[in-house]
Structures are given as structure tokens and as C-alpha cells.
Amino acid sequence: MSTRTSLRPQLIFGLVMAVVAVGMVRIAQYHWREGTVIIGGALLLAAGLRAVLPPERTGLLGIRRRALDVLTYGVFGLMMLIVALTIIGGPLAAS
């Protein structure tokens, strides 16, 4: 097994982590709602990819059984979206 073929499944995880990194940059730039929505979207992306890709291509996205991974990623992604879109006011409110 070459290094090239052993790293290929991790590209999917790298894609999800790249989206998370964009969200973290937006949070660091004081756009916390936008950053949180992006990270929630990354979790939903992870859920979708985990649902459709075969186990040998999921890499680090495949931690548990497929159904449990999809449920966990999906629920956390939706929770992040709901929190980011429903909080009004407070010290972190956008001006």
C-alpha cells in the first residue's frame, strides 16, 4: 500500500476540516453568527458525506456505525444552526 492510496480517504475529512477552518476564521473576525453557521454547515456536510460514501472512503469521518455517525453529525449541525440563527442581542450581537 503506497502513501498516496492511504491518504486518499482522509481528503474527505480534510474537506470538512477546511470548511470548519473558514468558520473559525469568521468567528475570529468577530462574525460569530456567520462562523457558527459555516461550522454547522460543515457538520451537515460531514453527515451527508458519511451517508453516501462507502466505508473505505470515509476516512476519519467514519468513527462509529454509519447510522450513528450520520445522526450525530446531523443533530450537532442542526443544533449549531438553530443556536446561531435564534440568539438575539447579548454581548456578541452584531452591530
N, C-alpha and C. Protein backbone atom coordinates (compact mmCIF):
# COMPACT_ATOMS: atom_id res chain seq x y z
N MET A 1 0.85 -1.17 0.00
CA MET A 1 0.00 0.00 0.00
C MET A 1 0.90 1.24 0.00
N SER A 2 0.68 2.11 -0.95
CA SER A 2 1.51 3.32 -1.03
C SER A 2 0.91 4.42 -0.16
N THR A 3 1.72 5.44 0.08
CA THR A 3 1.27 6.57 0.88
C THR A 3 0.12 7.30 0.19
N ARG A 4 0.17 7.36 -1.13
CA ARG A 4 -0.87 8.06 -1.88
C ARG A 4 -2.24 7.42 -1.67
N THR A 5 -2.32 6.10 -1.75
CA THR A 5 -3.61 5.44 -1.57
C THR A 5 -4.05 5.45 -0.12
N SER A 6 -3.13 5.50 0.82
CA SER A 6 -3.54 5.50 2.22
C SER A 6 -4.04 6.89 2.66
N LEU A 7 -3.65 7.94 1.97
CA LEU A 7 -4.11 9.29 2.32
C LEU A 7 -5.40 9.69 1.61
N ARG A 8 -5.75 9.00 0.56
CA ARG A 8 -6.94 9.37 -0.22
C ARG A 8 -8.22 9.44 0.60
N PRO A 9 -8.51 8.47 1.47
CA PRO A 9 -9.75 8.59 2.27
C PRO A 9 -9.74 9.80 3.20
N GLN A 10 -8.58 10.28 3.58
CA GLN A 10 -8.52 11.41 4.51
C GLN A 10 -8.82 12.74 3.82
N LEU A 11 -8.87 12.77 2.50
CA LEU A 11 -9.21 14.01 1.79
C LEU A 11 -10.63 14.47 2.11
N ILE A 12 -11.53 13.55 2.31
CA ILE A 12 -12.91 13.90 2.66
C ILE A 12 -12.93 14.59 4.02
N PHE A 13 -12.20 14.02 4.98
CA PHE A 13 -12.10 14.64 6.30
C PHE A 13 -11.42 16.01 6.19
N GLY A 14 -10.40 16.11 5.34
CA GLY A 14 -9.72 17.39 5.12
C GLY A 14 -10.65 18.43 4.56
N LEU A 15 -11.56 18.04 3.67
CA LEU A 15 -12.54 18.97 3.12
C LEU A 15 -13.44 19.52 4.22
N VAL A 16 -13.94 18.65 5.07
CA VAL A 16 -14.81 19.09 6.17
C VAL A 16 -14.03 20.01 7.11
N MET A 17 -12.79 19.66 7.42
CA MET A 17 -11.98 20.48 8.32
C MET A 17 -11.65 21.84 7.68
N ALA A 18 -11.51 21.89 6.36
CA ALA A 18 -11.27 23.17 5.68
C ALA A 18 -12.47 24.10 5.85
N VAL A 19 -13.67 23.54 5.75
CA VAL A 19 -14.88 24.35 5.95
C VAL A 19 -14.95 24.83 7.40
N VAL A 20 -14.60 23.96 8.35
CA VAL A 20 -14.56 24.36 9.76
C VAL A 20 -13.54 25.49 9.96
N ALA A 21 -12.39 25.40 9.30
CA ALA A 21 -11.37 26.44 9.42
C ALA A 21 -11.89 27.78 8.92
N VAL A 22 -12.64 27.78 7.83
CA VAL A 22 -13.25 29.02 7.34
C VAL A 22 -14.20 29.59 8.39
N GLY A 23 -14.99 28.73 9.01
CA GLY A 23 -15.89 29.18 10.07
C GLY A 23 -15.13 29.76 11.25
N MET A 24 -14.03 29.14 11.63
CA MET A 24 -13.23 29.65 12.75
C MET A 24 -12.61 31.01 12.42
N VAL A 25 -12.20 31.20 11.18
CA VAL A 25 -11.66 32.50 10.76
C VAL A 25 -12.74 33.57 10.88
N ARG A 26 -13.95 33.24 10.45
CA ARG A 26 -15.05 34.23 10.55
C ARG A 26 -15.36 34.55 12.01
N ILE A 27 -15.30 33.55 12.88
CA ILE A 27 -15.52 33.80 14.30
C ILE A 27 -14.42 34.69 14.85
N ALA A 28 -13.18 34.44 14.46
CA ALA A 28 -12.05 35.25 14.92
C ALA A 28 -12.15 36.69 14.42
N GLN A 29 -12.86 36.89 13.32
CA GLN A 29 -13.06 38.23 12.78
C GLN A 29 -14.31 38.89 13.36
N TYR A 30 -14.81 38.35 14.46
CA TYR A 30 -15.97 38.89 15.17
C TYR A 30 -17.28 38.78 14.38
N HIS A 31 -17.36 37.81 13.50
CA HIS A 31 -18.61 37.48 12.81
C HIS A 31 -19.03 36.11 13.31
N TRP A 32 -19.35 36.04 14.61
CA TRP A 32 -19.56 34.74 15.24
C TRP A 32 -20.78 34.01 14.71
N ARG A 33 -21.84 34.73 14.36
CA ARG A 33 -23.02 34.03 13.82
C ARG A 33 -22.71 33.38 12.48
N GLU A 34 -22.07 34.13 11.62
CA GLU A 34 -21.71 33.59 10.30
C GLU A 34 -20.76 32.39 10.46
N GLY A 35 -19.77 32.53 11.33
CA GLY A 35 -18.83 31.43 11.56
C GLY A 35 -19.51 30.19 12.11
N THR A 36 -20.45 30.39 13.02
CA THR A 36 -21.17 29.25 13.60
C THR A 36 -22.05 28.58 12.56
N VAL A 37 -22.66 29.37 11.70
CA VAL A 37 -23.47 28.78 10.61
C VAL A 37 -22.58 27.97 9.67
N ILE A 38 -21.40 28.46 9.37
CA ILE A 38 -20.48 27.73 8.50
C ILE A 38 -20.05 26.42 9.15
N ILE A 39 -19.76 26.44 10.45
CA ILE A 39 -19.35 25.21 11.13
C ILE A 39 -20.53 24.23 11.20
N GLY A 40 -21.73 24.74 11.44
CA GLY A 40 -22.91 23.88 11.40
C GLY A 40 -23.08 23.26 10.02
N GLY A 41 -22.83 24.05 8.98
CA GLY A 41 -22.89 23.52 7.63
C GLY A 41 -21.83 22.45 7.38
N ALA A 42 -20.66 22.63 7.97
CA ALA A 42 -19.60 21.62 7.84
C ALA A 42 -20.03 20.30 8.47
N LEU A 43 -20.72 20.38 9.61
CA LEU A 43 -21.21 19.15 10.24
C LEU A 43 -22.29 18.49 9.39
N LEU A 44 -23.15 19.29 8.78
CA LEU A 44 -24.16 18.72 7.89
C LEU A 44 -23.51 18.13 6.64
N LEU A 45 -22.45 18.77 6.15
CA LEU A 45 -21.69 18.21 5.04
C LEU A 45 -21.09 16.87 5.44
N ALA A 46 -20.53 16.79 6.64
CA ALA A 46 -19.97 15.53 7.13
C ALA A 46 -21.05 14.45 7.21
N ALA A 47 -22.24 14.82 7.67
CA ALA A 47 -23.34 13.85 7.75
C ALA A 47 -23.71 13.34 6.37
N GLY A 48 -23.81 14.26 5.40
CA GLY A 48 -24.16 13.85 4.04
C GLY A 48 -23.10 12.98 3.40
N LEU A 49 -21.84 13.36 3.57
CA LEU A 49 -20.75 12.55 3.01
C LEU A 49 -20.68 11.18 3.66
N ARG A 50 -20.88 11.13 4.97
CA ARG A 50 -20.84 9.85 5.69
C ARG A 50 -21.99 8.96 5.23
N ALA A 51 -23.14 9.57 4.89
CA ALA A 51 -24.30 8.79 4.47
C ALA A 51 -24.11 8.17 3.09
N VAL A 52 -23.42 8.88 2.19
CA VAL A 52 -23.36 8.40 0.80
C VAL A 52 -22.07 7.68 0.42
N LEU A 53 -20.99 7.92 1.15
CA LEU A 53 -19.72 7.31 0.79
C LEU A 53 -19.57 5.91 1.38
N PRO A 54 -18.91 5.02 0.65
CA PRO A 54 -18.66 3.69 1.21
C PRO A 54 -17.66 3.78 2.36
N PRO A 55 -17.67 2.83 3.28
CA PRO A 55 -16.82 2.88 4.47
C PRO A 55 -15.32 3.05 4.17
N GLU A 56 -14.84 2.47 3.10
CA GLU A 56 -13.41 2.59 2.79
C GLU A 56 -13.00 3.97 2.30
N ARG A 57 -13.98 4.84 2.00
CA ARG A 57 -13.67 6.19 1.53
C ARG A 57 -13.95 7.27 2.57
N THR A 58 -14.49 6.92 3.72
CA THR A 58 -14.88 7.94 4.70
C THR A 58 -13.71 8.41 5.55
N GLY A 59 -12.66 7.63 5.68
CA GLY A 59 -11.51 8.05 6.48
C GLY A 59 -11.91 8.32 7.91
N LEU A 60 -11.47 9.45 8.44
CA LEU A 60 -11.72 9.79 9.84
C LEU A 60 -13.16 10.22 10.11
N LEU A 61 -13.99 10.39 9.08
CA LEU A 61 -15.41 10.68 9.31
C LEU A 61 -16.13 9.46 9.85
N GLY A 62 -15.63 8.29 9.53
CA GLY A 62 -16.26 7.05 9.96
C GLY A 62 -15.72 6.61 11.31
N ILE A 63 -16.38 7.03 12.37
CA ILE A 63 -15.93 6.71 13.72
C ILE A 63 -16.71 5.52 14.27
N ARG A 64 -18.02 5.57 14.10
CA ARG A 64 -18.90 4.53 14.63
C ARG A 64 -19.64 3.91 13.45
N ARG A 65 -20.77 3.28 13.77
CA ARG A 65 -21.62 2.77 12.69
C ARG A 65 -22.13 3.94 11.86
N ARG A 66 -22.40 3.70 10.59
CA ARG A 66 -22.82 4.76 9.68
C ARG A 66 -24.04 5.52 10.19
N ALA A 67 -25.07 4.81 10.62
CA ALA A 67 -26.30 5.48 11.07
C ALA A 67 -26.03 6.39 12.26
N LEU A 68 -25.22 5.93 13.19
CA LEU A 68 -24.92 6.75 14.37
C LEU A 68 -24.08 7.96 14.01
N ASP A 69 -23.12 7.79 13.10
CA ASP A 69 -22.32 8.94 12.64
C ASP A 69 -23.20 9.98 11.97
N VAL A 70 -24.05 9.55 11.06
CA VAL A 70 -24.93 10.48 10.33
C VAL A 70 -25.85 11.20 11.31
N LEU A 71 -26.42 10.46 12.25
CA LEU A 71 -27.31 11.06 13.24
C LEU A 71 -26.56 12.08 14.10
N THR A 72 -25.37 11.72 14.57
CA THR A 72 -24.61 12.61 15.44
C THR A 72 -24.19 13.88 14.71
N TYR A 73 -23.58 13.73 13.53
CA TYR A 73 -23.17 14.91 12.76
C TYR A 73 -24.38 15.78 12.41
N GLY A 74 -25.46 15.16 12.01
CA GLY A 74 -26.65 15.91 11.62
C GLY A 74 -27.28 16.67 12.77
N VAL A 75 -27.42 16.02 13.92
CA VAL A 75 -28.03 16.68 15.08
C VAL A 75 -27.17 17.84 15.56
N PHE A 76 -25.85 17.62 15.68
CA PHE A 76 -24.98 18.71 16.13
C PHE A 76 -24.96 19.86 15.12
N GLY A 77 -24.97 19.54 13.83
CA GLY A 77 -25.01 20.58 12.81
C GLY A 77 -26.29 21.41 12.90
N LEU A 78 -27.43 20.73 13.04
CA LEU A 78 -28.70 21.45 13.17
C LEU A 78 -28.75 22.28 14.45
N MET A 79 -28.23 21.73 15.55
CA MET A 79 -28.22 22.49 16.81
C MET A 79 -27.40 23.76 16.67
N MET A 80 -26.25 23.67 16.02
CA MET A 80 -25.42 24.87 15.83
C MET A 80 -26.14 25.90 14.97
N LEU A 81 -26.80 25.45 13.92
CA LEU A 81 -27.55 26.37 13.07
C LEU A 81 -28.67 27.05 13.85
N ILE A 82 -29.41 26.27 14.62
CA ILE A 82 -30.53 26.83 15.39
C ILE A 82 -30.03 27.86 16.39
N VAL A 83 -28.97 27.54 17.11
CA VAL A 83 -28.43 28.48 18.10
C VAL A 83 -27.96 29.76 17.41
N ALA A 84 -27.21 29.62 16.32
CA ALA A 84 -26.67 30.80 15.64
C ALA A 84 -27.76 31.68 15.06
N LEU A 85 -28.83 31.08 14.61
CA LEU A 85 -29.87 31.86 13.94
C LEU A 85 -30.96 32.38 14.88
N THR A 86 -31.00 31.89 16.12
CA THR A 86 -32.09 32.31 17.00
C THR A 86 -31.65 33.21 18.16
N ILE A 87 -30.37 33.30 18.48
CA ILE A 87 -29.93 34.17 19.57
C ILE A 87 -30.04 35.62 19.12
N ILE A 88 -30.70 36.42 19.94
CA ILE A 88 -30.92 37.83 19.62
C ILE A 88 -30.29 38.67 20.72
N GLY A 89 -29.55 39.69 20.35
CA GLY A 89 -28.95 40.59 21.33
C GLY A 89 -27.79 39.94 22.05
N GLY A 90 -27.48 40.45 23.23
CA GLY A 90 -26.39 39.92 24.02
C GLY A 90 -25.07 40.60 23.68
N PRO A 91 -24.02 40.24 24.43
CA PRO A 91 -22.73 40.90 24.23
C PRO A 91 -22.07 40.58 22.89
N LEU A 92 -22.49 39.51 22.24
CA LEU A 92 -21.89 39.13 20.96
C LEU A 92 -22.72 39.52 19.76
N ALA A 93 -23.74 40.31 19.98
CA ALA A 93 -24.65 40.70 18.90
C ALA A 93 -23.91 41.53 17.86
N ALA A 94 -24.24 41.29 16.61
CA ALA A 94 -23.65 42.07 15.52
C ALA A 94 -24.26 43.48 15.55
N SER A 95 -23.43 44.45 15.25
CA SER A 95 -23.94 45.83 15.30
C SER A 95 -24.54 46.25 13.99
